[in-house]
Amino acid sequence: MSDSDDEPITLSAHALAALQEFKSEEKQRLEKFESLYQASEDKFADQQQQQPGHIITIDDFKEDWQLSQFWYADETAKILGKALLEGADEDTVVVIASAPSVYAAIKQLPEDEIPTKHIYLLEFDPRFKVLAGEQYFSVYDYNKPDEIPAHLKHKCHRLLIDPPFLEEVCQNKSAEAAKNLLVEESERSAKTASGDNKFKLISSTGERMHKVVERNYPGVHVTNFLPEHKNGLSNEFRCYANFEGSFWKFDKL
């Protein structure tokens, strides 16, 4: 071994400057996130105090494109939310994974259009605890499909899942999370108090994912409902579901 092997590794001036710039940008990003989160919490607290019952909207949260956050257009979010709730009863457990704009849309519906209080939001971005509240929010990472909150494991009757990335790995892991959330096969034929199917599944994702979606979710088909986003996301999205209803029919690709 030569003496040079014991010498500490040093960075060039250019590499050191680049590293310092990266650390500075990362610090600014984290500070910005903390500021946004605190502002959201403060706004929520102020609104609750000044206007009891006021609901925060999805527009209170800036999209983070690095997290692949693209909010649905208001009408799309409303339709997806109402489709989840249609025919549900007070015992129906609803989970919305990676689609906070749909959760926000449900919270804006009149009380008589929300048949169940068991509506949960799973989302990687912890800011949305402000939207859903501690009882109904859990941080969710699609990379860890087995780390589903214990109180929701195999308890979900109705699920909307929107995998954040149009990649097969992300879609497959999201499907594993869905399997861990959904009620067991033996419970999927149950009816609600109104006689509707209690078990319903929606996946909203890119059109080019249709073969992956249909492989991962037996009984799920593409529908004729076309989701739209607020900021004109260029990827063509489709709504996949295991049911037809007031808001869509099955379609063909």
C-alpha atoms as a PDB file:
ATOM      1  CA  MET A   1       0.000   0.000   0.000  1.00  0.00           C
ATOM      2  CA  SER A   2       1.449   3.375  -0.961  1.00  0.00           C
ATOM      3  CA  ASP A   3       1.403   6.494   1.180  1.00  0.00           C
ATOM      4  CA  SER A   4      -1.102   8.010  -1.231  1.00  0.00           C
ATOM      5  CA  ASP A   5      -3.678   5.367  -0.240  1.00  0.00           C
ATOM      6  CA  ASP A   6      -3.869   6.890   3.241  1.00  0.00           C
ATOM      7  CA  GLU A   7      -4.435  10.430   2.034  1.00  0.00           C
ATOM      8  CA  PRO A   8      -7.968  11.792   2.532  1.00  0.00           C
ATOM      9  CA  ILE A   9     -10.124  12.223  -0.553  1.00  0.00           C
ATOM     10  CA  THR A  10     -10.438  15.861  -1.551  1.00  0.00           C
ATOM     11  CA  LEU A  11     -12.854  17.522  -3.948  1.00  0.00           C
ATOM     12  CA  SER A  12     -11.896  19.939  -6.671  1.00  0.00           C
ATOM     13  CA  ALA A  13     -12.970  23.539  -6.257  1.00  0.00           C
ATOM     14  CA  HIS A  14     -15.616  23.023  -8.934  1.00  0.00           C
ATOM     15  CA  ALA A  15     -17.036  19.864  -7.293  1.00  0.00           C
ATOM     16  CA  LEU A  16     -16.989  21.512  -3.860  1.00  0.00           C
ATOM     17  CA  ALA A  17     -18.861  24.533  -5.192  1.00  0.00           C
ATOM     18  CA  ALA A  18     -21.440  22.254  -6.823  1.00  0.00           C
ATOM     19  CA  LEU A  19     -21.910  20.322  -3.569  1.00  0.00           C
ATOM     20  CA  GLN A  20     -22.330  23.520  -1.579  1.00  0.00           C
ATOM     21  CA  GLU A  21     -24.860  24.779  -4.124  1.00  0.00           C
ATOM     22  CA  PHE A  22     -26.796  21.513  -3.859  1.00  0.00           C
ATOM     23  CA  LYS A  23     -26.837  21.683  -0.059  1.00  0.00           C
ATOM     24  CA  SER A  24     -27.979  25.291  -0.206  1.00  0.00           C
ATOM     25  CA  GLU A  25     -30.813  24.476  -2.622  1.00  0.00           C
ATOM     26  CA  GLU A  26     -31.866  21.489  -0.510  1.00  0.00           C
ATOM     27  CA  LYS A  27     -31.917  23.636   2.613  1.00  0.00           C
ATOM     28  CA  GLN A  28     -34.030  26.253   0.828  1.00  0.00           C
ATOM     29  CA  ARG A  29     -36.415  23.538  -0.397  1.00  0.00           C
ATOM     30  CA  LEU A  30     -36.854  22.135   3.102  1.00  0.00           C
ATOM     31  CA  GLU A  31     -37.327  25.597   4.586  1.00  0.00           C
ATOM     32  CA  LYS A  32     -39.911  26.363   1.918  1.00  0.00           C
ATOM     33  CA  PHE A  33     -41.751  23.132   2.668  1.00  0.00           C
ATOM     34  CA  GLU A  34     -41.776  23.865   6.403  1.00  0.00           C
ATOM     35  CA  SER A  35     -43.041  27.360   5.675  1.00  0.00           C
ATOM     36  CA  LEU A  36     -45.834  26.051   3.441  1.00  0.00           C
ATOM     37  CA  TYR A  37     -46.801  23.407   5.968  1.00  0.00           C
ATOM     38  CA  GLN A  38     -46.824  25.867   8.860  1.00  0.00           C
ATOM     39  CA  ALA A  39     -48.776  28.394   6.790  1.00  0.00           C
ATOM     40  CA  SER A  40     -51.347  25.711   5.983  1.00  0.00           C
ATOM     41  CA  GLU A  41     -51.637  24.736   9.651  1.00  0.00           C
ATOM     42  CA  ASP A  42     -51.938  28.367  10.745  1.00  0.00           C
ATOM     43  CA  LYS A  43     -54.518  29.067   8.050  1.00  0.00           C
ATOM     44  CA  PHE A  44     -56.499  26.005   9.056  1.00  0.00           C
ATOM     45  CA  ALA A  45     -56.441  26.992  12.721  1.00  0.00           C
ATOM     46  CA  ASP A  46     -57.427  30.589  11.974  1.00  0.00           C
ATOM     47  CA  GLN A  47     -60.260  29.557   9.682  1.00  0.00           C
ATOM     48  CA  GLN A  48     -61.601  27.059  12.174  1.00  0.00           C
ATOM     49  CA  GLN A  49     -61.580  29.713  14.855  1.00  0.00           C
ATOM     50  CA  GLN A  50     -63.026  32.511  12.724  1.00  0.00           C
ATOM     51  CA  GLN A  51     -65.269  30.447  10.462  1.00  0.00           C
ATOM     52  CA  PRO A  52     -66.218  27.151  12.100  1.00  0.00           C
ATOM     53  CA  GLY A  53     -66.882  24.552   9.447  1.00  0.00           C
ATOM     54  CA  HIS A  54     -64.739  26.256   6.792  1.00  0.00           C
ATOM     55  CA  ILE A  55     -62.983  23.696   4.613  1.00  0.00           C
ATOM     56  CA  ILE A  56     -59.516  24.080   3.137  1.00  0.00           C
ATOM     57  CA  THR A  57     -59.479  23.473  -0.614  1.00  0.00           C
ATOM     58  CA  ILE A  58     -56.836  21.807  -2.742  1.00  0.00           C
ATOM     59  CA  ASP A  59     -55.829  25.262  -4.008  1.00  0.00           C
ATOM     60  CA  ASP A  60     -54.327  25.940  -0.595  1.00  0.00           C
ATOM     61  CA  PHE A  61     -51.587  23.432  -1.478  1.00  0.00           C
ATOM     62  CA  LYS A  62     -49.028  24.106  -4.158  1.00  0.00           C
ATOM     63  CA  GLU A  63     -48.231  21.152  -6.421  1.00  0.00           C
ATOM     64  CA  ASP A  64     -44.772  19.652  -5.984  1.00  0.00           C
ATOM     65  CA  TRP A  65     -43.875  18.279  -9.396  1.00  0.00           C
ATOM     66  CA  GLN A  66     -40.897  16.412  -7.937  1.00  0.00           C
ATOM     67  CA  LEU A  67     -43.474  14.328  -6.066  1.00  0.00           C
ATOM     68  CA  SER A  68     -45.534  14.047  -9.269  1.00  0.00           C
ATOM     69  CA  GLN A  69     -48.330  16.112  -7.739  1.00  0.00           C
ATOM     70  CA  PHE A  70     -50.885  17.234 -10.306  1.00  0.00           C
ATOM     71  CA  TRP A  71     -54.263  18.208  -8.913  1.00  0.00           C
ATOM     72  CA  TYR A  72     -57.419  17.132 -10.666  1.00  0.00           C
ATOM     73  CA  ALA A  73     -59.693  19.768 -12.144  1.00  0.00           C
ATOM     74  CA  ASP A  74     -62.468  20.592  -9.687  1.00  0.00           C
ATOM     75  CA  GLU A  75     -65.181  18.830 -11.690  1.00  0.00           C
ATOM     76  CA  THR A  76     -63.065  15.696 -12.148  1.00  0.00           C
ATOM     77  CA  ALA A  77     -62.271  15.532  -8.432  1.00  0.00           C
ATOM     78  CA  LYS A  78     -65.937  15.990  -7.593  1.00  0.00           C
ATOM     79  CA  ILE A  79     -67.063  13.218  -9.964  1.00  0.00           C
ATOM     80  CA  LEU A  80     -64.468  10.768  -8.655  1.00  0.00           C
ATOM     81  CA  GLY A  81     -65.466  11.555  -5.085  1.00  0.00           C
ATOM     82  CA  LYS A  82     -69.184  11.194  -5.737  1.00  0.00           C
ATOM     83  CA  ALA A  83     -68.621   7.930  -7.613  1.00  0.00           C
ATOM     84  CA  LEU A  84     -66.854   6.550  -4.545  1.00  0.00           C
ATOM     85  CA  LEU A  85     -69.713   7.564  -2.266  1.00  0.00           C
ATOM     86  CA  GLU A  86     -72.665   6.651  -4.484  1.00  0.00           C
ATOM     87  CA  GLY A  87     -74.762   3.985  -2.773  1.00  0.00           C
ATOM     88  CA  ALA A  88     -72.479   3.790   0.278  1.00  0.00           C
ATOM     89  CA  ASP A  89     -73.824   3.540   3.815  1.00  0.00           C
ATOM     90  CA  GLU A  90     -72.607   4.584   7.239  1.00  0.00           C
ATOM     91  CA  ASP A  91     -70.469   1.462   7.642  1.00  0.00           C
ATOM     92  CA  THR A  92     -68.675   1.808   4.298  1.00  0.00           C
ATOM     93  CA  VAL A  93     -64.927   2.409   4.655  1.00  0.00           C
ATOM     94  CA  VAL A  94     -63.508   4.601   1.888  1.00  0.00           C
ATOM     95  CA  VAL A  95     -59.799   5.143   1.198  1.00  0.00           C
ATOM     96  CA  ILE A  96     -58.270   7.645  -1.207  1.00  0.00           C
ATOM     97  CA  ALA A  97     -54.609   6.950  -1.974  1.00  0.00           C
ATOM     98  CA  SER A  98     -52.398   9.581  -3.626  1.00  0.00           C
ATOM     99  CA  ALA A  99     -55.316  11.749  -4.775  1.00  0.00           C
ATOM    100  CA  PRO A 100     -55.723  14.530  -2.192  1.00  0.00           C
ATOM    101  CA  SER A 101     -57.719  16.718  -4.579  1.00  0.00           C
ATOM    102  CA  VAL A 102     -60.472  14.077  -4.549  1.00  0.00           C
ATOM    103  CA  TYR A 103     -60.476  14.028  -0.756  1.00  0.00           C
ATOM    104  CA  ALA A 104     -60.686  17.822  -0.739  1.00  0.00           C
ATOM    105  CA  ALA A 105     -63.630  17.687  -3.157  1.00  0.00           C
ATOM    106  CA  ILE A 106     -65.506  15.259  -0.902  1.00  0.00           C
ATOM    107  CA  LYS A 107     -65.030  17.569   2.074  1.00  0.00           C
ATOM    108  CA  GLN A 108     -66.783  20.319   0.117  1.00  0.00           C
ATOM    109  CA  LEU A 109     -69.877  18.227  -0.582  1.00  0.00           C
ATOM    110  CA  PRO A 110     -73.072  18.897   1.400  1.00  0.00           C
ATOM    111  CA  GLU A 111     -73.328  16.719   4.498  1.00  0.00           C
ATOM    112  CA  ASP A 112     -76.346  14.865   3.138  1.00  0.00           C
ATOM    113  CA  GLU A 113     -74.204  13.654   0.197  1.00  0.00           C
ATOM    114  CA  ILE A 114     -71.584  12.073   2.471  1.00  0.00           C
ATOM    115  CA  PRO A 115     -73.123   8.838   3.791  1.00  0.00           C
ATOM    116  CA  THR A 116     -70.095   7.682   5.804  1.00  0.00           C
ATOM    117  CA  LYS A 117     -67.582   9.263   8.164  1.00  0.00           C
ATOM    118  CA  HIS A 118     -65.052   6.532   7.433  1.00  0.00           C
ATOM    119  CA  ILE A 119     -63.178   8.344   4.662  1.00  0.00           C
ATOM    120  CA  TYR A 120     -59.386   8.184   4.850  1.00  0.00           C
ATOM    121  CA  LEU A 121     -56.564   9.865   2.949  1.00  0.00           C
ATOM    122  CA  LEU A 122     -53.239   8.153   2.301  1.00  0.00           C
ATOM    123  CA  GLU A 123     -50.597  10.474   0.875  1.00  0.00           C
ATOM    124  CA  PHE A 124     -46.797  10.727   0.844  1.00  0.00           C
ATOM    125  CA  ASP A 125     -46.850  14.492   1.454  1.00  0.00           C
ATOM    126  CA  PRO A 126     -47.448  15.103   5.195  1.00  0.00           C
ATOM    127  CA  ARG A 127     -48.894  18.569   4.533  1.00  0.00           C
ATOM    128  CA  PHE A 128     -52.228  16.890   3.866  1.00  0.00           C
ATOM    129  CA  LYS A 129     -52.660  15.991   7.491  1.00  0.00           C
ATOM    130  CA  VAL A 130     -53.963  19.562   7.665  1.00  0.00           C
ATOM    131  CA  LEU A 131     -56.656  18.679   5.131  1.00  0.00           C
ATOM    132  CA  ALA A 132     -57.832  15.349   6.511  1.00  0.00           C
ATOM    133  CA  GLY A 133     -57.022  15.682  10.191  1.00  0.00           C
ATOM    134  CA  GLU A 134     -54.913  13.347  12.277  1.00  0.00           C
ATOM    135  CA  GLN A 135     -57.618  10.689  12.637  1.00  0.00           C
ATOM    136  CA  TYR A 136     -58.171  10.269   8.914  1.00  0.00           C
ATOM    137  CA  PHE A 137     -54.698  10.878   7.472  1.00  0.00           C
ATOM    138  CA  SER A 138     -51.722   8.548   7.139  1.00  0.00           C
ATOM    139  CA  VAL A 139     -48.424   9.044   5.352  1.00  0.00           C
ATOM    140  CA  TYR A 140     -48.242   6.529   2.515  1.00  0.00           C
ATOM    141  CA  ASP A 141     -45.236   5.544   0.409  1.00  0.00           C
ATOM    142  CA  TYR A 142     -46.037   3.419  -2.626  1.00  0.00           C
ATOM    143  CA  ASN A 143     -42.548   1.905  -2.318  1.00  0.00           C
ATOM    144  CA  LYS A 144     -43.632   0.291   0.959  1.00  0.00           C
ATOM    145  CA  PRO A 145     -46.919  -1.441   0.100  1.00  0.00           C
ATOM    146  CA  ASP A 146     -46.787  -3.640   3.198  1.00  0.00           C
ATOM    147  CA  GLU A 147     -46.646  -0.657   5.547  1.00  0.00           C
ATOM    148  CA  ILE A 148     -50.373   0.030   5.393  1.00  0.00           C
ATOM    149  CA  PRO A 149     -51.843   1.557   8.574  1.00  0.00           C
ATOM    150  CA  ALA A 150     -53.018  -1.290  10.798  1.00  0.00           C
ATOM    151  CA  HIS A 151     -56.497   0.196  11.243  1.00  0.00           C
ATOM    152  CA  LEU A 152     -57.048   0.093   7.470  1.00  0.00           C
ATOM    153  CA  LYS A 153     -55.500  -3.256   6.559  1.00  0.00           C
ATOM    154  CA  HIS A 154     -58.189  -5.312   4.775  1.00  0.00           C
ATOM    155  CA  LYS A 155     -60.835  -2.870   6.041  1.00  0.00           C
ATOM    156  CA  CYS A 156     -61.385  -0.809   2.888  1.00  0.00           C
ATOM    157  CA  HIS A 157     -64.629  -1.346   0.958  1.00  0.00           C
ATOM    158  CA  ARG A 158     -64.078   1.392  -1.597  1.00  0.00           C
ATOM    159  CA  LEU A 159     -60.732   2.530  -2.876  1.00  0.00           C
ATOM    160  CA  LEU A 160     -59.512   5.196  -5.265  1.00  0.00           C
ATOM    161  CA  ILE A 161     -55.826   4.791  -6.003  1.00  0.00           C
ATOM    162  CA  ASP A 162     -53.806   7.107  -8.236  1.00  0.00           C
ATOM    163  CA  PRO A 163     -50.232   5.823  -8.544  1.00  0.00           C
ATOM    164  CA  PRO A 164     -47.952   8.890  -8.675  1.00  0.00           C
ATOM    165  CA  PHE A 165     -45.793   7.677 -11.578  1.00  0.00           C
ATOM    166  CA  LEU A 166     -46.670   6.173 -14.955  1.00  0.00           C
ATOM    167  CA  GLU A 167     -44.155   3.381 -14.506  1.00  0.00           C
ATOM    168  CA  GLU A 168     -44.836  -0.326 -14.212  1.00  0.00           C
ATOM    169  CA  VAL A 169     -42.915  -0.694 -10.940  1.00  0.00           C
ATOM    170  CA  CYS A 170     -44.943   2.100  -9.334  1.00  0.00           C
ATOM    171  CA  GLN A 171     -48.187   0.635 -10.653  1.00  0.00           C
ATOM    172  CA  ASN A 172     -47.343  -2.860  -9.392  1.00  0.00           C
ATOM    173  CA  LYS A 173     -46.370  -1.666  -5.925  1.00  0.00           C
ATOM    174  CA  SER A 174     -49.493   0.484  -5.740  1.00  0.00           C
ATOM    175  CA  ALA A 175     -51.537  -2.586  -6.599  1.00  0.00           C
ATOM    176  CA  GLU A 176     -49.868  -4.474  -3.741  1.00  0.00           C
ATOM    177  CA  ALA A 177     -50.855  -1.646  -1.401  1.00  0.00           C
ATOM    178  CA  ALA A 178     -54.413  -1.876  -2.729  1.00  0.00           C
ATOM    179  CA  LYS A 179     -54.543  -5.588  -1.989  1.00  0.00           C
ATOM    180  CA  ASN A 180     -53.432  -4.887   1.575  1.00  0.00           C
ATOM    181  CA  LEU A 181     -56.102  -2.231   1.995  1.00  0.00           C
ATOM    182  CA  LEU A 182     -59.106  -3.929   0.424  1.00  0.00           C
ATOM    183  CA  VAL A 183     -61.439  -6.245   2.296  1.00  0.00           C
ATOM    184  CA  GLU A 184     -60.919  -9.954   1.760  1.00  0.00           C
ATOM    185  CA  GLU A 185     -62.499 -11.716  -1.227  1.00  0.00           C
ATOM    186  CA  SER A 186     -65.144 -13.269   1.021  1.00  0.00           C
ATOM    187  CA  GLU A 187     -66.465  -9.798   1.902  1.00  0.00           C
ATOM    188  CA  ARG A 188     -66.554  -8.332  -1.607  1.00  0.00           C
ATOM    189  CA  SER A 189     -70.059  -9.500  -2.447  1.00  0.00           C
ATOM    190  CA  ALA A 190     -71.622  -7.556   0.430  1.00  0.00           C
ATOM    191  CA  LYS A 191     -74.341  -4.977  -0.235  1.00  0.00           C
ATOM    192  CA  THR A 192     -74.885  -1.592   1.363  1.00  0.00           C
ATOM    193  CA  ALA A 193     -78.111  -0.570   3.080  1.00  0.00           C
ATOM    194  CA  SER A 194     -79.401   0.733  -0.265  1.00  0.00           C
ATOM    195  CA  GLY A 195     -78.629  -2.554  -2.019  1.00  0.00           C
ATOM    196  CA  ASP A 196     -75.601  -1.250  -3.917  1.00  0.00           C
ATOM    197  CA  ASN A 197     -72.313  -3.129  -4.110  1.00  0.00           C
ATOM    198  CA  LYS A 198     -70.272  -2.257  -1.055  1.00  0.00           C
ATOM    199  CA  PHE A 199     -66.987  -3.133  -2.767  1.00  0.00           C
ATOM    200  CA  LYS A 200     -65.835  -0.680  -5.442  1.00  0.00           C
ATOM    201  CA  LEU A 201     -62.397   0.013  -6.871  1.00  0.00           C
ATOM    202  CA  ILE A 202     -61.154   2.910  -8.986  1.00  0.00           C
ATOM    203  CA  SER A 203     -57.683   3.471 -10.399  1.00  0.00           C
ATOM    204  CA  SER A 204     -57.088   6.760 -12.157  1.00  0.00           C
ATOM    205  CA  THR A 205     -53.883   6.757 -14.176  1.00  0.00           C
ATOM    206  CA  GLY A 206     -52.401   7.060 -17.650  1.00  0.00           C
ATOM    207  CA  GLU A 207     -53.980   5.459 -20.689  1.00  0.00           C
ATOM    208  CA  ARG A 208     -50.735   3.694 -21.547  1.00  0.00           C
ATOM    209  CA  MET A 209     -50.954   1.861 -18.212  1.00  0.00           C
ATOM    210  CA  HIS A 210     -54.178   0.081 -19.135  1.00  0.00           C
ATOM    211  CA  LYS A 211     -52.662  -3.405 -19.595  1.00  0.00           C
ATOM    212  CA  VAL A 212     -50.797  -3.104 -16.289  1.00  0.00           C
ATOM    213  CA  VAL A 213     -53.939  -1.902 -14.501  1.00  0.00           C
ATOM    214  CA  GLU A 214     -56.162  -4.650 -15.855  1.00  0.00           C
ATOM    215  CA  ARG A 215     -53.522  -7.255 -15.002  1.00  0.00           C
ATOM    216  CA  ASN A 216     -53.177  -5.986 -11.435  1.00  0.00           C
ATOM    217  CA  TYR A 217     -56.888  -5.541 -10.725  1.00  0.00           C
ATOM    218  CA  PRO A 218     -59.042  -8.407 -12.041  1.00  0.00           C
ATOM    219  CA  GLY A 219     -62.530  -7.178 -12.871  1.00  0.00           C
ATOM    220  CA  VAL A 220     -61.394  -3.603 -13.447  1.00  0.00           C
ATOM    221  CA  HIS A 221     -61.975  -2.081 -16.906  1.00  0.00           C
ATOM    222  CA  VAL A 222     -61.351   1.246 -18.574  1.00  0.00           C
ATOM    223  CA  THR A 223     -64.353   3.586 -18.457  1.00  0.00           C
ATOM    224  CA  ASN A 224     -65.548   6.393 -20.714  1.00  0.00           C
ATOM    225  CA  PHE A 225     -64.848   9.008 -18.028  1.00  0.00           C
ATOM    226  CA  LEU A 226     -61.789  11.097 -18.891  1.00  0.00           C
ATOM    227  CA  PRO A 227     -60.096  12.701 -15.859  1.00  0.00           C
ATOM    228  CA  GLU A 228     -58.742  16.203 -16.343  1.00  0.00           C
ATOM    229  CA  HIS A 229     -56.137  18.157 -14.384  1.00  0.00           C
ATOM    230  CA  LYS A 230     -56.007  21.778 -13.304  1.00  0.00           C
ATOM    231  CA  ASN A 231     -52.748  22.627 -15.046  1.00  0.00           C
ATOM    232  CA  GLY A 232     -53.260  20.832 -18.331  1.00  0.00           C
ATOM    233  CA  LEU A 233     -51.188  17.720 -17.636  1.00  0.00           C
ATOM    234  CA  SER A 234     -50.239  16.392 -21.065  1.00  0.00           C
ATOM    235  CA  ASN A 235     -50.423  12.667 -20.256  1.00  0.00           C
ATOM    236  CA  GLU A 236     -53.788  11.261 -21.289  1.00  0.00           C
ATOM    237  CA  PHE A 237     -55.457   9.885 -18.192  1.00  0.00           C
ATOM    238  CA  ARG A 238     -58.183   7.291 -17.988  1.00  0.00           C
ATOM    239  CA  CYS A 239     -60.439   6.142 -15.206  1.00  0.00           C
ATOM    240  CA  TYR A 240     -60.455   2.396 -14.547  1.00  0.00           C
ATOM    241  CA  ALA A 241     -63.099   0.814 -12.327  1.00  0.00           C
ATOM    242  CA  ASN A 242     -64.797  -2.455 -11.453  1.00  0.00           C
ATOM    243  CA  PHE A 243     -68.260  -0.906 -11.709  1.00  0.00           C
ATOM    244  CA  GLU A 244     -70.509   1.226 -13.867  1.00  0.00           C
ATOM    245  CA  GLY A 245     -72.822   3.848 -12.420  1.00  0.00           C
ATOM    246  CA  SER A 246     -74.194   7.348 -12.776  1.00  0.00           C
ATOM    247  CA  PHE A 247     -70.848   8.807 -13.792  1.00  0.00           C
ATOM    248  CA  TRP A 248     -69.447   6.362 -16.361  1.00  0.00           C
ATOM    249  CA  LYS A 249     -69.813   3.201 -18.395  1.00  0.00           C
ATOM    250  CA  PHE A 250     -67.172   0.711 -19.449  1.00  0.00           C
ATOM    251  CA  ASP A 251     -65.265   1.633 -22.587  1.00  0.00           C
ATOM    252  CA  LYS A 252     -62.723   0.040 -24.921  1.00  0.00           C
ATOM    253  CA  LEU A 253     -59.188   1.091 -25.746  1.00  0.00           C
END
